[in-house]
Protein backbone atom coordinates (compact mmCIF):
# COMPACT_ATOMS: atom_id res chain seq x y z
CA UNK A 1 -1.20 4.89 26.57
CA UNK A 2 2.03 2.85 26.33
CA UNK A 3 3.15 -0.58 26.52
CA UNK A 4 4.38 -2.01 30.08
CA UNK A 5 5.32 -5.58 31.11
CA UNK A 6 2.42 -7.15 33.29
CA UNK A 7 3.16 -9.02 36.44
CA UNK A 8 3.75 -12.61 35.68
CA UNK A 9 5.54 -16.24 36.94
CA UNK A 10 6.02 -19.49 36.03
CA UNK A 11 2.44 -20.98 34.75
CA UNK A 12 3.80 -24.52 35.61
CA UNK A 13 3.87 -23.38 39.37
CA UNK A 14 0.52 -22.10 38.95
CA UNK A 15 -0.96 -25.08 37.31
CA UNK A 16 0.60 -27.42 39.95
CA UNK A 17 -1.31 -25.27 42.87
CA UNK A 18 -4.29 -25.56 40.65
CA UNK A 19 -4.34 -29.55 40.46
CA UNK A 20 -3.62 -29.96 44.14
CA UNK A 21 -6.11 -27.60 45.01
CA UNK A 22 -8.72 -29.38 43.17
CA UNK A 23 -7.56 -32.94 44.40
CA UNK A 24 -7.52 -31.91 48.09
CA UNK A 25 -10.68 -30.04 47.69
CA UNK A 26 -12.41 -33.12 46.31
CA UNK A 27 -10.68 -35.27 49.28
CA UNK A 28 -12.12 -32.91 51.99
CA UNK A 29 -15.53 -32.80 50.79
CA UNK A 30 -15.78 -36.62 50.18
CA UNK A 31 -14.11 -36.73 53.81
CA UNK A 32 -16.63 -34.50 55.54
CA UNK A 33 -19.80 -36.15 53.28
CA UNK A 34 -21.07 -38.29 56.40
CA UNK A 35 -22.93 -34.77 57.54
CA UNK A 36 -21.77 -34.94 61.21
CA UNK A 37 -20.80 -31.65 62.93
CA UNK A 38 -17.11 -32.35 63.45
CA UNK A 39 -17.00 -33.26 59.46
CA UNK A 40 -18.49 -29.57 58.26
CA UNK A 41 -14.67 -28.15 58.61
CA UNK A 42 -13.65 -30.45 56.25
CA UNK A 43 -16.46 -29.57 53.57
CA UNK A 44 -15.60 -26.09 54.36
CA UNK A 45 -11.98 -26.49 53.48
CA UNK A 46 -12.78 -28.58 50.46
CA UNK A 47 -14.62 -25.53 48.83
CA UNK A 48 -12.00 -23.07 50.17
CA UNK A 49 -9.80 -25.27 47.65
CA UNK A 50 -11.91 -25.76 45.04
CA UNK A 51 -12.25 -21.84 44.96
CA UNK A 52 -8.37 -21.55 45.17
CA UNK A 53 -8.38 -24.03 41.93
CA UNK A 54 -10.55 -21.71 40.20
CA UNK A 55 -8.62 -18.71 40.85
CA UNK A 56 -5.38 -20.05 39.99
CA UNK A 57 -7.23 -21.96 36.68
CA UNK A 58 -8.21 -18.22 35.81
CA UNK A 59 -4.78 -16.91 35.87
CA UNK A 60 -3.08 -18.76 33.37
CA UNK A 61 -2.32 -18.42 29.94
CA UNK A 62 -0.60 -19.58 27.23
CA UNK A 63 1.60 -16.90 24.79
CA UNK A 64 2.71 -18.53 21.26
CA UNK A 65 5.76 -17.22 19.72
CA UNK A 66 5.40 -13.59 18.22
CA UNK A 67 2.32 -13.14 19.94
CA UNK A 68 1.66 -10.92 22.90
CA UNK A 69 -1.13 -11.00 25.47
CA UNK A 70 -2.79 -7.79 26.75
CA UNK A 71 -3.68 -7.88 30.33
CA UNK A 72 -7.01 -5.85 31.43
CA UNK A 73 -8.06 -6.22 35.23
CA UNK A 74 -11.81 -5.06 35.35
CA UNK A 75 -11.24 -2.28 32.72
CA UNK A 76 -7.73 -1.44 33.70
CA UNK A 77 -4.64 -1.78 31.92
CA UNK A 78 -2.30 -4.28 33.70
CA UNK A 79 0.28 -4.90 31.23
CA UNK A 80 1.36 -6.94 28.49
CA UNK A 81 3.21 -10.37 28.18
CA UNK A 82 5.11 -10.81 25.22
CA UNK A 83 7.49 -13.71 26.18
CA UNK A 84 6.46 -17.01 24.66
CA UNK A 85 5.06 -19.85 27.15
CA UNK A 86 2.88 -20.79 29.96
CA UNK A 87 2.60 -17.94 32.49
CA UNK A 88 0.50 -17.01 35.37
CA UNK A 89 -0.86 -13.42 35.77
CA UNK A 90 -3.37 -11.72 37.89
CA UNK A 91 -6.46 -13.74 38.06
CA UNK A 92 -9.99 -12.95 36.81
CA UNK A 93 -8.28 -10.69 34.34
CA UNK A 94 -9.04 -10.50 30.57
CA UNK A 95 -6.38 -11.64 28.29
CA UNK A 96 -6.75 -10.09 24.86
CA UNK A 97 -4.15 -12.08 22.01
CA UNK A 98 -2.46 -9.79 19.70
CA UNK A 99 0.03 -10.96 16.85
CA UNK A 100 3.40 -9.54 16.33
CA UNK A 101 4.24 -11.18 13.33
CA UNK A 102 5.29 -9.12 9.95
CA UNK A 103 2.25 -8.66 7.97
CA UNK A 104 1.51 -7.50 4.59
CA UNK A 105 -1.19 -4.92 3.28
CA UNK A 106 -1.76 -4.88 -0.33
CA UNK A 107 -3.91 -1.57 -1.45
CA UNK A 108 -6.49 -1.73 -3.97
CA UNK A 109 -5.80 -0.19 -7.31
CA UNK A 110 -6.61 3.52 -6.53
CA UNK A 111 -7.61 6.18 -9.34
CA UNK A 112 -6.17 9.49 -8.47
CA UNK A 113 -4.85 12.44 -10.37
CA UNK A 114 -1.29 13.08 -10.35
CA UNK A 115 0.35 16.57 -9.77
CA UNK A 116 -0.42 17.34 -13.62
CA UNK A 117 -3.96 16.54 -13.15
CA UNK A 118 -3.73 13.39 -15.15
CA UNK A 119 -5.96 10.50 -13.93
CA UNK A 120 -3.82 7.41 -13.30
CA UNK A 121 -4.04 4.13 -11.44
CA UNK A 122 -1.76 3.45 -8.60
CA UNK A 123 -1.60 0.48 -5.95
CA UNK A 124 1.07 -0.15 -3.20
CA UNK A 125 1.89 -2.70 -0.48
CA UNK A 126 2.69 -2.08 2.95
CA UNK A 127 4.98 -4.34 5.07
CA UNK A 128 4.20 -3.73 8.98
CA UNK A 129 4.39 -5.24 12.45
CA UNK A 130 2.84 -4.55 15.96
CA UNK A 131 5.73 -2.94 18.21
CA UNK A 132 3.55 -1.14 21.11
CA UNK A 133 0.49 -3.54 21.92
CA UNK A 134 -1.28 -1.14 24.20
CA UNK A 135 -1.65 1.63 21.41
CA UNK A 136 -2.76 -1.07 18.89
CA UNK A 137 -5.23 -2.22 21.48
CA UNK A 138 -6.86 0.87 22.99
CA UNK A 139 -5.98 4.05 21.04
CA UNK A 140 -7.46 2.77 17.99
CA UNK A 141 -10.90 1.03 17.34
CA UNK A 142 -9.21 -1.77 14.80
CA UNK A 143 -5.66 -1.33 14.07
CA UNK A 144 -5.86 -3.59 10.93
CA UNK A 145 -8.67 -1.34 9.41
CA UNK A 146 -6.85 1.70 10.75
CA UNK A 147 -3.63 0.81 8.70
CA UNK A 148 -5.71 -0.12 5.49
CA UNK A 149 -7.52 3.44 5.45
CA UNK A 150 -4.09 5.23 6.34
CA UNK A 151 -2.07 3.48 3.83
CA UNK A 152 -4.95 4.18 0.90
CA UNK A 153 -4.86 7.90 2.09
CA UNK A 154 -1.10 8.02 2.13
CA UNK A 155 -0.71 6.54 -1.27
CA UNK A 156 -3.57 9.27 -2.76
CA UNK A 157 -1.64 11.86 -0.91
CA UNK A 158 1.81 10.79 -2.59
CA UNK A 159 0.15 10.31 -6.05
CA UNK A 160 -0.91 13.88 -6.01
CA UNK A 161 2.68 15.29 -5.15
CA UNK A 162 4.53 13.73 -8.49
CA UNK A 163 3.49 13.86 -11.97
CA UNK A 164 3.09 10.32 -13.63
CA UNK A 165 6.18 11.38 -15.71
CA UNK A 166 8.72 13.89 -16.99
CA UNK A 167 8.54 15.26 -20.70
CA UNK A 168 11.54 17.71 -19.95
CA UNK A 169 15.06 17.91 -19.10
CA UNK A 170 14.35 19.12 -15.66
CA UNK A 171 15.55 17.06 -12.75
CA UNK A 172 12.04 16.40 -11.34
CA UNK A 173 10.79 13.47 -9.45
CA UNK A 174 8.20 11.43 -10.98
CA UNK A 175 6.19 8.47 -10.16
CA UNK A 176 7.55 6.33 -12.84
CA UNK A 177 11.20 7.61 -13.06
CA UNK A 178 11.68 7.83 -9.16
CA UNK A 179 9.84 4.53 -7.89
CA UNK A 180 12.37 4.25 -4.91
CA UNK A 181 12.26 7.65 -3.71
CA UNK A 182 8.78 7.70 -3.78
CA UNK A 183 8.48 4.60 -2.10
CA UNK A 184 10.63 5.95 0.78
CA UNK A 185 8.49 9.33 0.91
CA UNK A 186 5.56 7.05 1.51
CA UNK A 187 6.83 4.78 4.16
CA UNK A 188 7.63 8.05 6.32
CA UNK A 189 4.76 9.88 5.89
CA UNK A 190 3.05 6.33 6.61
CA UNK A 191 4.96 6.04 9.75
CA UNK A 192 4.03 8.97 11.08
CA UNK A 193 0.26 8.21 10.65
CA UNK A 194 0.42 5.04 12.17
CA UNK A 195 2.65 5.75 15.34
CA UNK A 196 -0.56 6.24 17.27
CA UNK A 197 -1.68 2.86 16.56
CA UNK A 198 1.83 1.22 17.79
CA UNK A 199 2.54 0.15 13.92
CA UNK A 200 6.04 0.27 12.55
CA UNK A 201 6.36 0.12 8.87
CA UNK A 202 9.00 -1.85 7.59
CA UNK A 203 8.81 -1.29 3.97
CA UNK A 204 6.52 0.02 1.23
CA UNK A 205 6.46 -0.46 -2.73
CA UNK A 206 4.35 0.89 -5.50
CA UNK A 207 2.77 -2.63 -7.19
CA UNK A 208 0.74 -1.16 -9.78
CA UNK A 209 1.27 2.55 -11.71
CA UNK A 210 -0.41 3.12 -15.06
CA UNK A 211 -2.64 5.73 -16.86
CA UNK A 212 -6.24 5.73 -16.45
CA UNK A 213 -7.66 3.86 -19.74
CA UNK A 214 -9.50 6.98 -20.74
CA UNK A 215 -5.99 8.96 -21.37
CA UNK A 216 -3.56 5.87 -21.91
CA UNK A 217 -3.82 5.91 -25.88
CA UNK A 218 -3.20 9.73 -25.87
CA UNK A 219 -0.27 9.40 -23.48
CA UNK A 220 1.35 6.48 -25.23
CA UNK A 221 1.16 8.75 -28.43
CA UNK A 222 2.80 11.29 -26.34
CA UNK A 223 5.69 9.18 -25.04
CA UNK A 224 6.20 7.69 -28.71
CA UNK A 225 6.61 11.16 -30.11
CA UNK A 226 8.92 12.58 -27.55
CA UNK A 227 10.76 9.20 -28.18
CA UNK A 228 10.95 9.85 -31.95
CA UNK A 229 11.94 13.19 -31.45
CA UNK A 230 14.77 12.39 -28.87
CA UNK A 231 16.38 9.97 -31.49
CA UNK A 232 16.15 12.43 -34.17
CA UNK A 233 17.97 14.74 -32.12
CA UNK A 234 20.80 11.94 -31.57
CA UNK A 235 20.99 11.31 -35.20
CA UNK A 236 21.33 14.74 -36.04
CA UNK A 237 23.97 15.06 -33.77
CA UNK A 238 25.68 12.20 -34.96
CA UNK A 239 25.15 13.33 -38.56
CA UNK A 240 26.75 16.96 -37.91
CA UNK A 241 30.11 15.21 -36.23
CA UNK A 242 30.38 12.75 -39.07
CA UNK A 243 30.19 15.55 -41.63
CA UNK A 244 32.82 17.66 -39.63
CA UNK A 245 35.18 15.03 -39.90
CA UNK A 246 34.63 14.41 -43.75
CA UNK A 247 35.68 17.85 -44.41
CA UNK A 248 38.68 18.18 -42.01
CA UNK A 249 39.88 14.80 -43.60
CA UNK A 250 39.15 16.38 -46.95
CA UNK A 251 41.24 19.60 -45.84
CA UNK A 252 43.93 17.36 -44.35
CA UNK A 253 44.42 15.77 -47.88
CA UNK A 254 44.77 19.06 -49.58
CA UNK A 255 41.09 18.87 -51.21
CA UNK A 256 40.00 22.52 -50.75
CA UNK A 257 36.36 23.55 -51.42
CA UNK A 258 34.49 26.86 -51.82
CA UNK A 259 31.88 27.86 -49.82
CA UNK A 260 29.25 27.11 -52.38
CA UNK A 261 30.63 23.41 -52.95
CA UNK A 262 31.05 22.88 -49.09
CA UNK A 263 27.44 23.68 -48.68
CA UNK A 264 26.54 21.34 -51.35
CA UNK A 265 28.25 18.59 -49.79
CA UNK A 266 27.34 19.23 -46.16
CA UNK A 267 23.68 19.03 -47.66
CA UNK A 268 24.35 16.08 -49.21
CA UNK A 269 26.00 14.00 -46.46
CA UNK A 270 22.91 15.48 -44.25
CA UNK A 271 20.30 14.07 -46.49
CA UNK A 272 21.77 10.75 -46.78
CA UNK A 273 22.84 10.18 -43.19
CA UNK A 274 19.71 11.54 -41.49
CA UNK A 275 17.22 10.17 -44.06
CA UNK A 276 15.46 7.15 -42.37
CA UNK A 277 15.50 5.22 -46.15
CA UNK A 278 18.50 4.34 -48.57
CA UNK A 279 19.63 7.46 -50.26
CA UNK A 280 19.85 7.31 -54.01
CA UNK A 281 22.78 9.31 -55.82
CA UNK A 282 22.03 11.70 -58.51
CA UNK A 283 25.67 11.78 -60.61
CA UNK A 284 26.12 14.88 -62.37
CA UNK A 285 28.55 14.56 -65.06
CA UNK A 286 28.82 18.30 -65.64
CA UNK A 287 29.80 21.04 -62.98
CA UNK A 288 27.84 22.26 -59.86
CA UNK A 289 27.16 25.43 -61.75
CA UNK A 290 25.41 23.72 -64.81
């Protein structure tokens, strides 16, 4: 089923015909109310004009901005009127109102397993609008419920494809670190699902993302441990650079150290720089060997 434009004409002209018909019908009926044989014709004309009034009145429809009317004639799809205003369409038709406004669907907080099997909580918002009124009306039972169910299904499927976070140096996408890419893939998958309902997905965004309560504490400790290890690694790298610079400066000033003294100096510098507490110096009044 594909949307097509329904036949229509200016509704004000139809309204004028309806008013003129009812006025003429009443006038003819009143004129023929004497009951003589000659006045039967006036009554018949009056009844016909009243019927014309009903026909004209049944063909009128008003379309608001960002709204459409789906016209069906005894079970047959006649077309859609999407231009705002008052219009005359086929008489005795059913005119179903359909909104063309941009709307939001905010999913519930869903509990799913990510790619590593960790239980997480995730939620998303979907911005959509109807672009094909025929499909939205006839190809699905209720397009709003269809959008809601398909959105939650797509969110569950996307969440299962990625891990919540990456704990290695591999360049892998994650739900927390690549929210833009995940949202784009969610929109693409959701658009494929909602095309059958004549719905266009404008934007999707993750609104909630967290570990499930039963593992949140353990995952927090894991993240803290990884952060501490990463910080220590940067501290050690910086300390090695500082020690190398110190030794080069000593050599540049003509101070030569043998291997044993060089090792002792490196050890002392590394301990004082890397330690998370203030170093307490010990002054050796003798020699290195006593």
